[in-house]
Amino acid sequence: MNIKLNKWDSAKYLKTDEDMAAYFAACLEEAGDDAAFIAHALGVIARAKGMAQLAKDTGLGRESLYKALSSEGNPSFATILKVIKALGLRLESHPVAPV
């Protein structure tokens, strides 16, 4: 018997701005120092919101955004900041407990 599985797509489940902010916060917590993980997480949120609108809001090309925000992308920090702002998100800093 063959079982057909569908690839999981988190973007399908990010319906509200609160969902997207919570997802981004969880990804920041989980990523450690993995910058590609953060870029990919932003790509998931961008697909949930609409990549075409994000392209307009950032002034960057839609295809460039898909590439930069993929798990293989390597966007500049300036691009990351533009995307975060256009998605209505914010980076925050909090002290962590000493190790």
PDB file of N, CA and C in Angstrom:
ATOM      1  N   MET A   1       0.833  -1.177   0.000  1.00  0.00           N
ATOM      2  CA  MET A   1       0.000   0.000   0.000  1.00  0.00           C
ATOM      3  C   MET A   1       0.882   1.245   0.000  1.00  0.00           C
ATOM      4  N   ASN A   2       0.599   2.161  -0.909  1.00  0.00           N
ATOM      5  CA  ASN A   2       1.334   3.420  -0.986  1.00  0.00           C
ATOM      6  C   ASN A   2       0.559   4.507  -0.262  1.00  0.00           C
ATOM      7  N   ILE A   3       1.276   5.294   0.490  1.00  0.00           N
ATOM      8  CA  ILE A   3       0.669   6.428   1.186  1.00  0.00           C
ATOM      9  C   ILE A   3       1.215   7.698   0.558  1.00  0.00           C
ATOM     10  N   LYS A   4       0.317   8.586   0.159  1.00  0.00           N
ATOM     11  CA  LYS A   4       0.730   9.859  -0.420  1.00  0.00           C
ATOM     12  C   LYS A   4       0.813  10.908   0.688  1.00  0.00           C
ATOM     13  N   LEU A   5       1.970  11.515   0.801  1.00  0.00           N
ATOM     14  CA  LEU A   5       2.188  12.554   1.799  1.00  0.00           C
ATOM     15  C   LEU A   5       2.359  13.895   1.105  1.00  0.00           C
ATOM     16  N   ASN A   6       1.847  14.917   1.720  1.00  0.00           N
ATOM     17  CA  ASN A   6       2.024  16.277   1.214  1.00  0.00           C
ATOM     18  C   ASN A   6       3.129  16.969   2.001  1.00  0.00           C
ATOM     19  N   LYS A   7       3.889  17.801   1.312  1.00  0.00           N
ATOM     20  CA  LYS A   7       4.946  18.565   1.969  1.00  0.00           C
ATOM     21  C   LYS A   7       4.309  19.619   2.881  1.00  0.00           C
ATOM     22  N   TRP A   8       4.810  19.722   4.102  1.00  0.00           N
ATOM     23  CA  TRP A   8       4.303  20.701   5.068  1.00  0.00           C
ATOM     24  C   TRP A   8       4.669  22.108   4.614  1.00  0.00           C
ATOM     25  N   ASP A   9       3.716  23.004   4.680  1.00  0.00           N
ATOM     26  CA  ASP A   9       3.957  24.401   4.341  1.00  0.00           C
ATOM     27  C   ASP A   9       3.382  25.277   5.447  1.00  0.00           C
ATOM     28  N   SER A  10       4.258  25.791   6.288  1.00  0.00           N
ATOM     29  CA  SER A  10       3.825  26.623   7.422  1.00  0.00           C
ATOM     30  C   SER A  10       3.057  27.856   6.976  1.00  0.00           C
ATOM     31  N   ALA A  11       3.340  28.367   5.782  1.00  0.00           N
ATOM     32  CA  ALA A  11       2.680  29.577   5.296  1.00  0.00           C
ATOM     33  C   ALA A  11       1.167  29.416   5.248  1.00  0.00           C
ATOM     34  N   LYS A  12       0.679  28.202   5.021  1.00  0.00           N
ATOM     35  CA  LYS A  12      -0.766  27.954   4.952  1.00  0.00           C
ATOM     36  C   LYS A  12      -1.458  28.204   6.286  1.00  0.00           C
ATOM     37  N   TYR A  13      -0.706  28.155   7.369  1.00  0.00           N
ATOM     38  CA  TYR A  13      -1.287  28.248   8.703  1.00  0.00           C
ATOM     39  C   TYR A  13      -1.068  29.608   9.366  1.00  0.00           C
ATOM     40  N   LEU A  14      -0.394  30.501   8.678  1.00  0.00           N
ATOM     41  CA  LEU A  14      -0.159  31.856   9.208  1.00  0.00           C
ATOM     42  C   LEU A  14      -1.245  32.771   8.651  1.00  0.00           C
ATOM     43  N   LYS A  15      -2.319  32.907   9.394  1.00  0.00           N
ATOM     44  CA  LYS A  15      -3.494  33.646   8.914  1.00  0.00           C
ATOM     45  C   LYS A  15      -3.543  35.098   9.381  1.00  0.00           C
ATOM     46  N   THR A  16      -3.036  35.371  10.573  1.00  0.00           N
ATOM     47  CA  THR A  16      -3.140  36.712  11.136  1.00  0.00           C
ATOM     48  C   THR A  16      -1.747  37.293  11.395  1.00  0.00           C
ATOM     49  N   ASP A  17      -1.721  38.597  11.612  1.00  0.00           N
ATOM     50  CA  ASP A  17      -0.452  39.242  11.962  1.00  0.00           C
ATOM     51  C   ASP A  17       0.109  38.660  13.260  1.00  0.00           C
ATOM     52  N   GLU A  18      -0.772  38.308  14.185  1.00  0.00           N
ATOM     53  CA  GLU A  18      -0.337  37.725  15.452  1.00  0.00           C
ATOM     54  C   GLU A  18       0.295  36.352  15.218  1.00  0.00           C
ATOM     55  N   ASP A  19      -0.303  35.554  14.312  1.00  0.00           N
ATOM     56  CA  ASP A  19       0.283  34.255  13.966  1.00  0.00           C
ATOM     57  C   ASP A  19       1.690  34.439  13.414  1.00  0.00           C
ATOM     58  N   MET A  20       1.834  35.413  12.526  1.00  0.00           N
ATOM     59  CA  MET A  20       3.122  35.647  11.877  1.00  0.00           C
ATOM     60  C   MET A  20       4.171  36.119  12.875  1.00  0.00           C
ATOM     61  N   ALA A  21       3.771  37.016  13.781  1.00  0.00           N
ATOM     62  CA  ALA A  21       4.700  37.511  14.796  1.00  0.00           C
ATOM     63  C   ALA A  21       5.120  36.389  15.740  1.00  0.00           C
ATOM     64  N   ALA A  22       4.179  35.533  16.133  1.00  0.00           N
ATOM     65  CA  ALA A  22       4.502  34.418  17.024  1.00  0.00           C
ATOM     66  C   ALA A  22       5.422  33.423  16.320  1.00  0.00           C
ATOM     67  N   TYR A  23       5.160  33.158  15.050  1.00  0.00           N
ATOM     68  CA  TYR A  23       6.008  32.252  14.270  1.00  0.00           C
ATOM     69  C   TYR A  23       7.426  32.814  14.175  1.00  0.00           C
ATOM     70  N   PHE A  24       7.544  34.111  13.876  1.00  0.00           N
ATOM     71  CA  PHE A  24       8.855  34.740  13.758  1.00  0.00           C
ATOM     72  C   PHE A  24       9.600  34.699  15.092  1.00  0.00           C
ATOM     73  N   ALA A  25       8.902  34.982  16.182  1.00  0.00           N
ATOM     74  CA  ALA A  25       9.530  34.937  17.509  1.00  0.00           C
ATOM     75  C   ALA A  25      10.032  33.520  17.821  1.00  0.00           C
ATOM     76  N   ALA A  26       9.227  32.518  17.498  1.00  0.00           N
ATOM     77  CA  ALA A  26       9.644  31.131  17.735  1.00  0.00           C
ATOM     78  C   ALA A  26      10.856  30.773  16.883  1.00  0.00           C
ATOM     79  N   CYS A  27      10.877  31.243  15.646  1.00  0.00           N
ATOM     80  CA  CYS A  27      12.014  30.959  14.770  1.00  0.00           C
ATOM     81  C   CYS A  27      13.280  31.648  15.261  1.00  0.00           C
ATOM     82  N   LEU A  28      13.149  32.885  15.737  1.00  0.00           N
ATOM     83  CA  LEU A  28      14.314  33.580  16.294  1.00  0.00           C
ATOM     84  C   LEU A  28      14.866  32.821  17.493  1.00  0.00           C
ATOM     85  N   GLU A  29      13.968  32.308  18.318  1.00  0.00           N
ATOM     86  CA  GLU A  29      14.376  31.544  19.509  1.00  0.00           C
ATOM     87  C   GLU A  29      15.074  30.247  19.120  1.00  0.00           C
ATOM     88  N   GLU A  30      14.545  29.599  18.114  1.00  0.00           N
ATOM     89  CA  GLU A  30      15.052  28.285  17.706  1.00  0.00           C
ATOM     90  C   GLU A  30      16.317  28.360  16.859  1.00  0.00           C
ATOM     91  N   ALA A  31      16.520  29.447  16.131  1.00  0.00           N
ATOM     92  CA  ALA A  31      17.566  29.528  15.111  1.00  0.00           C
ATOM     93  C   ALA A  31      18.986  29.518  15.662  1.00  0.00           C
ATOM     94  N   GLY A  32      19.172  30.016  16.862  1.00  0.00           N
ATOM     95  CA  GLY A  32      20.541  30.147  17.358  1.00  0.00           C
ATOM     96  C   GLY A  32      21.298  31.112  16.465  1.00  0.00           C
ATOM     97  N   ASP A  33      22.405  30.671  15.871  1.00  0.00           N
ATOM     98  CA  ASP A  33      23.179  31.541  14.988  1.00  0.00           C
ATOM     99  C   ASP A  33      23.016  31.158  13.514  1.00  0.00           C
ATOM    100  N   ASP A  34      21.919  30.480  13.188  1.00  0.00           N
ATOM    101  CA  ASP A  34      21.655  30.036  11.819  1.00  0.00           C
ATOM    102  C   ASP A  34      20.902  31.119  11.046  1.00  0.00           C
ATOM    103  N   ALA A  35      21.640  31.974  10.367  1.00  0.00           N
ATOM    104  CA  ALA A  35      21.043  33.087   9.620  1.00  0.00           C
ATOM    105  C   ALA A  35      20.128  32.600   8.504  1.00  0.00           C
ATOM    106  N   ALA A  36      20.469  31.483   7.875  1.00  0.00           N
ATOM    107  CA  ALA A  36      19.645  30.946   6.789  1.00  0.00           C
ATOM    108  C   ALA A  36      18.267  30.527   7.308  1.00  0.00           C
ATOM    109  N   PHE A  37      18.224  30.045   8.544  1.00  0.00           N
ATOM    110  CA  PHE A  37      16.948  29.666   9.158  1.00  0.00           C
ATOM    111  C   PHE A  37      16.038  30.884   9.292  1.00  0.00           C
ATOM    112  N   ILE A  38      16.614  32.012   9.714  1.00  0.00           N
ATOM    113  CA  ILE A  38      15.849  33.253   9.861  1.00  0.00           C
ATOM    114  C   ILE A  38      15.380  33.748   8.504  1.00  0.00           C
ATOM    115  N   ALA A  39      16.254  33.727   7.507  1.00  0.00           N
ATOM    116  CA  ALA A  39      15.869  34.163   6.158  1.00  0.00           C
ATOM    117  C   ALA A  39      14.730  33.293   5.637  1.00  0.00           C
ATOM    118  N   HIS A  40      14.823  31.991   5.850  1.00  0.00           N
ATOM    119  CA  HIS A  40      13.761  31.081   5.405  1.00  0.00           C
ATOM    120  C   HIS A  40      12.449  31.378   6.137  1.00  0.00           C
ATOM    121  N   ALA A  41      12.525  31.629   7.440  1.00  0.00           N
ATOM    122  CA  ALA A  41      11.326  31.955   8.217  1.00  0.00           C
ATOM    123  C   ALA A  41      10.654  33.213   7.672  1.00  0.00           C
ATOM    124  N   LEU A  42      11.450  34.209   7.328  1.00  0.00           N
ATOM    125  CA  LEU A  42      10.890  35.427   6.729  1.00  0.00           C
ATOM    126  C   LEU A  42      10.259  35.112   5.374  1.00  0.00           C
ATOM    127  N   GLY A  43      10.849  34.190   4.639  1.00  0.00           N
ATOM    128  CA  GLY A  43      10.270  33.773   3.361  1.00  0.00           C
ATOM    129  C   GLY A  43       8.922  33.108   3.540  1.00  0.00           C
ATOM    130  N   VAL A  44       8.785  32.300   4.578  1.00  0.00           N
ATOM    131  CA  VAL A  44       7.501  31.655   4.875  1.00  0.00           C
ATOM    132  C   VAL A  44       6.452  32.718   5.186  1.00  0.00           C
ATOM    133  N   ILE A  45       6.807  33.679   6.011  1.00  0.00           N
ATOM    134  CA  ILE A  45       5.874  34.746   6.370  1.00  0.00           C
ATOM    135  C   ILE A  45       5.536  35.587   5.131  1.00  0.00           C
ATOM    136  N   ALA A  46       6.526  35.851   4.301  1.00  0.00           N
ATOM    137  CA  ALA A  46       6.301  36.632   3.085  1.00  0.00           C
ATOM    138  C   ALA A  46       5.326  35.920   2.152  1.00  0.00           C
ATOM    139  N   ARG A  47       5.467  34.605   2.019  1.00  0.00           N
ATOM    140  CA  ARG A  47       4.531  33.857   1.177  1.00  0.00           C
ATOM    141  C   ARG A  47       3.131  33.884   1.764  1.00  0.00           C
ATOM    142  N   ALA A  48       3.031  33.860   3.090  1.00  0.00           N
ATOM    143  CA  ALA A  48       1.716  33.914   3.738  1.00  0.00           C
ATOM    144  C   ALA A  48       1.047  35.268   3.500  1.00  0.00           C
ATOM    145  N   LYS A  49       1.824  36.326   3.513  1.00  0.00           N
ATOM    146  CA  LYS A  49       1.280  37.675   3.320  1.00  0.00           C
ATOM    147  C   LYS A  49       1.104  38.028   1.855  1.00  0.00           C
ATOM    148  N   GLY A  50       1.969  37.499   1.027  1.00  0.00           N
ATOM    149  CA  GLY A  50       1.923  37.811  -0.402  1.00  0.00           C
ATOM    150  C   GLY A  50       3.242  38.398  -0.864  1.00  0.00           C
ATOM    151  N   MET A  51       3.964  37.639  -1.651  1.00  0.00           N
ATOM    152  CA  MET A  51       5.292  38.054  -2.096  1.00  0.00           C
ATOM    153  C   MET A  51       5.220  39.270  -3.023  1.00  0.00           C
ATOM    154  N   ALA A  52       4.179  39.374  -3.841  1.00  0.00           N
ATOM    155  CA  ALA A  52       4.055  40.513  -4.761  1.00  0.00           C
ATOM    156  C   ALA A  52       3.946  41.826  -3.985  1.00  0.00           C
ATOM    157  N   GLN A  53       3.127  41.821  -2.926  1.00  0.00           N
ATOM    158  CA  GLN A  53       2.986  43.032  -2.123  1.00  0.00           C
ATOM    159  C   GLN A  53       4.285  43.358  -1.396  1.00  0.00           C
ATOM    160  N   LEU A  54       4.973  42.331  -0.913  1.00  0.00           N
ATOM    161  CA  LEU A  54       6.253  42.551  -0.245  1.00  0.00           C
ATOM    162  C   LEU A  54       7.258  43.170  -1.206  1.00  0.00           C
ATOM    163  N   ALA A  55       7.262  42.712  -2.439  1.00  0.00           N
ATOM    164  CA  ALA A  55       8.164  43.276  -3.451  1.00  0.00           C
ATOM    165  C   ALA A  55       7.881  44.764  -3.640  1.00  0.00           C
ATOM    166  N   LYS A  56       6.610  45.123  -3.716  1.00  0.00           N
ATOM    167  CA  LYS A  56       6.243  46.546  -3.851  1.00  0.00           C
ATOM    168  C   LYS A  56       6.691  47.348  -2.633  1.00  0.00           C
ATOM    169  N   ASP A  57       6.431  46.791  -1.447  1.00  0.00           N
ATOM    170  CA  ASP A  57       6.727  47.512  -0.203  1.00  0.00           C
ATOM    171  C   ASP A  57       8.223  47.688   0.049  1.00  0.00           C
ATOM    172  N   THR A  58       9.031  46.746  -0.433  1.00  0.00           N
ATOM    173  CA  THR A  58      10.475  46.826  -0.203  1.00  0.00           C
ATOM    174  C   THR A  58      11.224  47.449  -1.368  1.00  0.00           C
ATOM    175  N   GLY A  59      10.597  47.484  -2.546  1.00  0.00           N
ATOM    176  CA  GLY A  59      11.289  47.972  -3.734  1.00  0.00           C
ATOM    177  C   GLY A  59      12.239  46.940  -4.313  1.00  0.00           C
ATOM    178  N   LEU A  60      12.114  45.698  -3.884  1.00  0.00           N
ATOM    179  CA  LEU A  60      12.960  44.615  -4.375  1.00  0.00           C
ATOM    180  C   LEU A  60      12.143  43.741  -5.321  1.00  0.00           C
ATOM    181  N   GLY A  61      12.820  43.065  -6.230  1.00  0.00           N
ATOM    182  CA  GLY A  61      12.132  42.195  -7.172  1.00  0.00           C
ATOM    183  C   GLY A  61      11.564  40.958  -6.492  1.00  0.00           C
ATOM    184  N   ARG A  62      10.400  40.518  -6.974  1.00  0.00           N
ATOM    185  CA  ARG A  62       9.738  39.351  -6.397  1.00  0.00           C
ATOM    186  C   ARG A  62      10.619  38.109  -6.490  1.00  0.00           C
ATOM    187  N   GLU A  63      11.205  37.875  -7.648  1.00  0.00           N
ATOM    188  CA  GLU A  63      12.078  36.705  -7.817  1.00  0.00           C
ATOM    189  C   GLU A  63      13.318  36.800  -6.926  1.00  0.00           C
ATOM    190  N   SER A  64      13.854  38.021  -6.790  1.00  0.00           N
ATOM    191  CA  SER A  64      15.003  38.220  -5.903  1.00  0.00           C
ATOM    192  C   SER A  64      14.643  37.893  -4.456  1.00  0.00           C
ATOM    193  N   LEU A  65      13.431  38.274  -4.069  1.00  0.00           N
ATOM    194  CA  LEU A  65      12.986  37.974  -2.707  1.00  0.00           C
ATOM    195  C   LEU A  65      12.815  36.474  -2.495  1.00  0.00           C
ATOM    196  N   TYR A  66      12.206  35.796  -3.467  1.00  0.00           N
ATOM    197  CA  TYR A  66      12.064  34.341  -3.343  1.00  0.00           C
ATOM    198  C   TYR A  66      13.430  33.687  -3.143  1.00  0.00           C
ATOM    199  N   LYS A  67      14.400  34.118  -3.939  1.00  0.00           N
ATOM    200  CA  LYS A  67      15.741  33.536  -3.852  1.00  0.00           C
ATOM    201  C   LYS A  67      16.411  33.887  -2.517  1.00  0.00           C
ATOM    202  N   ALA A  68      16.374  35.163  -2.146  1.00  0.00           N
ATOM    203  CA  ALA A  68      17.042  35.613  -0.924  1.00  0.00           C
ATOM    204  C   ALA A  68      16.436  34.981   0.323  1.00  0.00           C
ATOM    205  N   LEU A  69      15.119  34.771   0.313  1.00  0.00           N
ATOM    206  CA  LEU A  69      14.430  34.277   1.506  1.00  0.00           C
ATOM    207  C   LEU A  69      14.197  32.771   1.475  1.00  0.00           C
ATOM    208  N   SER A  70      14.914  32.090   0.623  1.00  0.00           N
ATOM    209  CA  SER A  70      14.846  30.630   0.606  1.00  0.00           C
ATOM    210  C   SER A  70      15.870  30.087   1.603  1.00  0.00           C
ATOM    211  N   SER A  71      15.817  28.789   1.856  1.00  0.00           N
ATOM    212  CA  SER A  71      16.773  28.208   2.799  1.00  0.00           C
ATOM    213  C   SER A  71      18.195  28.227   2.246  1.00  0.00           C
ATOM    214  N   GLU A  72      18.347  28.415   0.930  1.00  0.00           N
ATOM    215  CA  GLU A  72      19.679  28.519   0.329  1.00  0.00           C
ATOM    216  C   GLU A  72      20.108  29.972   0.104  1.00  0.00           C
ATOM    217  N   GLY A  73      19.222  30.920   0.384  1.00  0.00           N
ATOM    218  CA  GLY A  73      19.523  32.329   0.154  1.00  0.00           C
ATOM    219  C   GLY A  73      20.541  32.869   1.136  1.00  0.00           C
ATOM    220  N   ASN A  74      21.123  33.996   0.768  1.00  0.00           N
ATOM    221  CA  ASN A  74      22.089  34.660   1.632  1.00  0.00           C
ATOM    222  C   ASN A  74      21.868  36.174   1.525  1.00  0.00           C
ATOM    223  N   PRO A  75      20.726  36.660   2.034  1.00  0.00           N
ATOM    224  CA  PRO A  75      20.413  38.084   1.886  1.00  0.00           C
ATOM    225  C   PRO A  75      21.308  38.953   2.762  1.00  0.00           C
ATOM    226  N   SER A  76      21.464  40.184   2.334  1.00  0.00           N
ATOM    227  CA  SER A  76      22.210  41.137   3.161  1.00  0.00           C
ATOM    228  C   SER A  76      21.366  41.498   4.374  1.00  0.00           C
ATOM    229  N   PHE A  77      22.025  42.032   5.380  1.00  0.00           N
ATOM    230  CA  PHE A  77      21.282  42.455   6.574  1.00  0.00           C
ATOM    231  C   PHE A  77      20.334  43.593   6.225  1.00  0.00           C
ATOM    232  N   ALA A  78      20.717  44.434   5.289  1.00  0.00           N
ATOM    233  CA  ALA A  78      19.838  45.527   4.853  1.00  0.00           C
ATOM    234  C   ALA A  78      18.554  44.964   4.251  1.00  0.00           C
ATOM    235  N   THR A  79      18.673  43.899   3.463  1.00  0.00           N
ATOM    236  CA  THR A  79      17.484  43.264   2.890  1.00  0.00           C
ATOM    237  C   THR A  79      16.609  42.687   3.990  1.00  0.00           C
ATOM    238  N   ILE A  80      17.228  42.019   4.948  1.00  0.00           N
ATOM    239  CA  ILE A  80      16.480  41.445   6.068  1.00  0.00           C
ATOM    240  C   ILE A  80      15.709  42.541   6.804  1.00  0.00           C
ATOM    241  N   LEU A  81      16.363  43.664   7.066  1.00  0.00           N
ATOM    242  CA  LEU A  81      15.697  44.763   7.774  1.00  0.00           C
ATOM    243  C   LEU A  81      14.534  45.331   6.970  1.00  0.00           C
ATOM    244  N   LYS A  82      14.710  45.491   5.644  1.00  0.00           N
ATOM    245  CA  LYS A  82      13.621  45.972   4.785  1.00  0.00           C
ATOM    246  C   LYS A  82      12.437  45.021   4.827  1.00  0.00           C
ATOM    247  N   VAL A  83      12.727  43.730   4.743  1.00  0.00           N
ATOM    248  CA  VAL A  83      11.668  42.720   4.737  1.00  0.00           C
ATOM    249  C   VAL A  83      10.933  42.711   6.073  1.00  0.00           C
ATOM    250  N   ILE A  84      11.670  42.737   7.174  1.00  0.00           N
ATOM    251  CA  ILE A  84      11.043  42.736   8.494  1.00  0.00           C
ATOM    252  C   ILE A  84      10.108  43.933   8.641  1.00  0.00           C
ATOM    253  N   LYS A  85      10.581  45.097   8.238  1.00  0.00           N
ATOM    254  CA  LYS A  85       9.760  46.301   8.337  1.00  0.00           C
ATOM    255  C   LYS A  85       8.518  46.198   7.453  1.00  0.00           C
ATOM    256  N   ALA A  86       8.696  45.749   6.219  1.00  0.00           N
ATOM    257  CA  ALA A  86       7.571  45.644   5.287  1.00  0.00           C
ATOM    258  C   ALA A  86       6.544  44.604   5.742  1.00  0.00           C
ATOM    259  N   LEU A  87       6.990  43.588   6.460  1.00  0.00           N
ATOM    260  CA  LEU A  87       6.071  42.570   6.971  1.00  0.00           C
ATOM    261  C   LEU A  87       5.363  43.020   8.241  1.00  0.00           C
ATOM    262  N   GLY A  88       5.726  44.183   8.754  1.00  0.00           N
ATOM    263  CA  GLY A  88       5.098  44.688   9.969  1.00  0.00           C
ATOM    264  C   GLY A  88       5.620  44.019  11.223  1.00  0.00           C
ATOM    265  N   LEU A  89       6.855  43.535  11.154  1.00  0.00           N
ATOM    266  CA  LEU A  89       7.485  42.886  12.301  1.00  0.00           C
ATOM    267  C   LEU A  89       8.560  43.786  12.876  1.00  0.00           C
ATOM    268  N   ARG A  90       9.083  43.395  14.029  1.00  0.00           N
ATOM    269  CA  ARG A  90      10.131  44.179  14.676  1.00  0.00           C
ATOM    270  C   ARG A  90      11.111  43.231  15.348  1.00  0.00           C
ATOM    271  N   LEU A  91      12.383  43.544  15.224  1.00  0.00           N
ATOM    272  CA  LEU A  91      13.408  42.820  15.993  1.00  0.00           C
ATOM    273  C   LEU A  91      13.512  43.482  17.358  1.00  0.00           C
ATOM    274  N   GLU A  92      13.593  42.676  18.386  1.00  0.00           N
ATOM    275  CA  GLU A  92      13.733  43.216  19.727  1.00  0.00           C
ATOM    276  C   GLU A  92      14.903  42.556  20.427  1.00  0.00           C
ATOM    277  N   SER A  93      15.397  43.220  21.440  1.00  0.00           N
ATOM    278  CA  SER A  93      16.529  42.701  22.190  1.00  0.00           C
ATOM    279  C   SER A  93      16.120  42.559  23.651  1.00  0.00           C
ATOM    280  N   HIS A  94      16.453  41.408  24.218  1.00  0.00           N
ATOM    281  CA  HIS A  94      16.195  41.149  25.625  1.00  0.00           C
ATOM    282  C   HIS A  94      17.424  40.471  26.206  1.00  0.00           C
ATOM    283  N   PRO A  95      17.779  40.776  27.434  1.00  0.00           N
ATOM    284  CA  PRO A  95      18.928  40.093  28.028  1.00  0.00           C
ATOM    285  C   PRO A  95      18.620  38.610  28.222  1.00  0.00           C
ATOM    286  N   VAL A  96      19.645  37.814  28.061  1.00  0.00           N
ATOM    287  CA  VAL A  96      19.503  36.386  28.306  1.00  0.00           C
ATOM    288  C   VAL A  96      20.204  36.025  29.608  1.00  0.00           C
ATOM    289  N   ALA A  97      19.791  34.960  30.216  1.00  0.00           N
ATOM    290  CA  ALA A  97      20.423  34.525  31.455  1.00  0.00           C
ATOM    291  C   ALA A  97      21.863  34.114  31.176  1.00  0.00           C
ATOM    292  N   PRO A  98      22.781  34.432  32.059  1.00  0.00           N
ATOM    293  CA  PRO A  98      24.178  34.035  31.853  1.00  0.00           C
ATOM    294  C   PRO A  98      24.278  32.513  31.764  1.00  0.00           C
ATOM    295  N   VAL A  99      25.221  32.076  30.951  1.00  0.00           N
ATOM    296  CA  VAL A  99      25.407  30.634  30.752  1.00  0.00           C
ATOM    297  C   VAL A  99      26.271  30.050  31.827  1.00  0.00           C
TER     298      VAL A  99
END
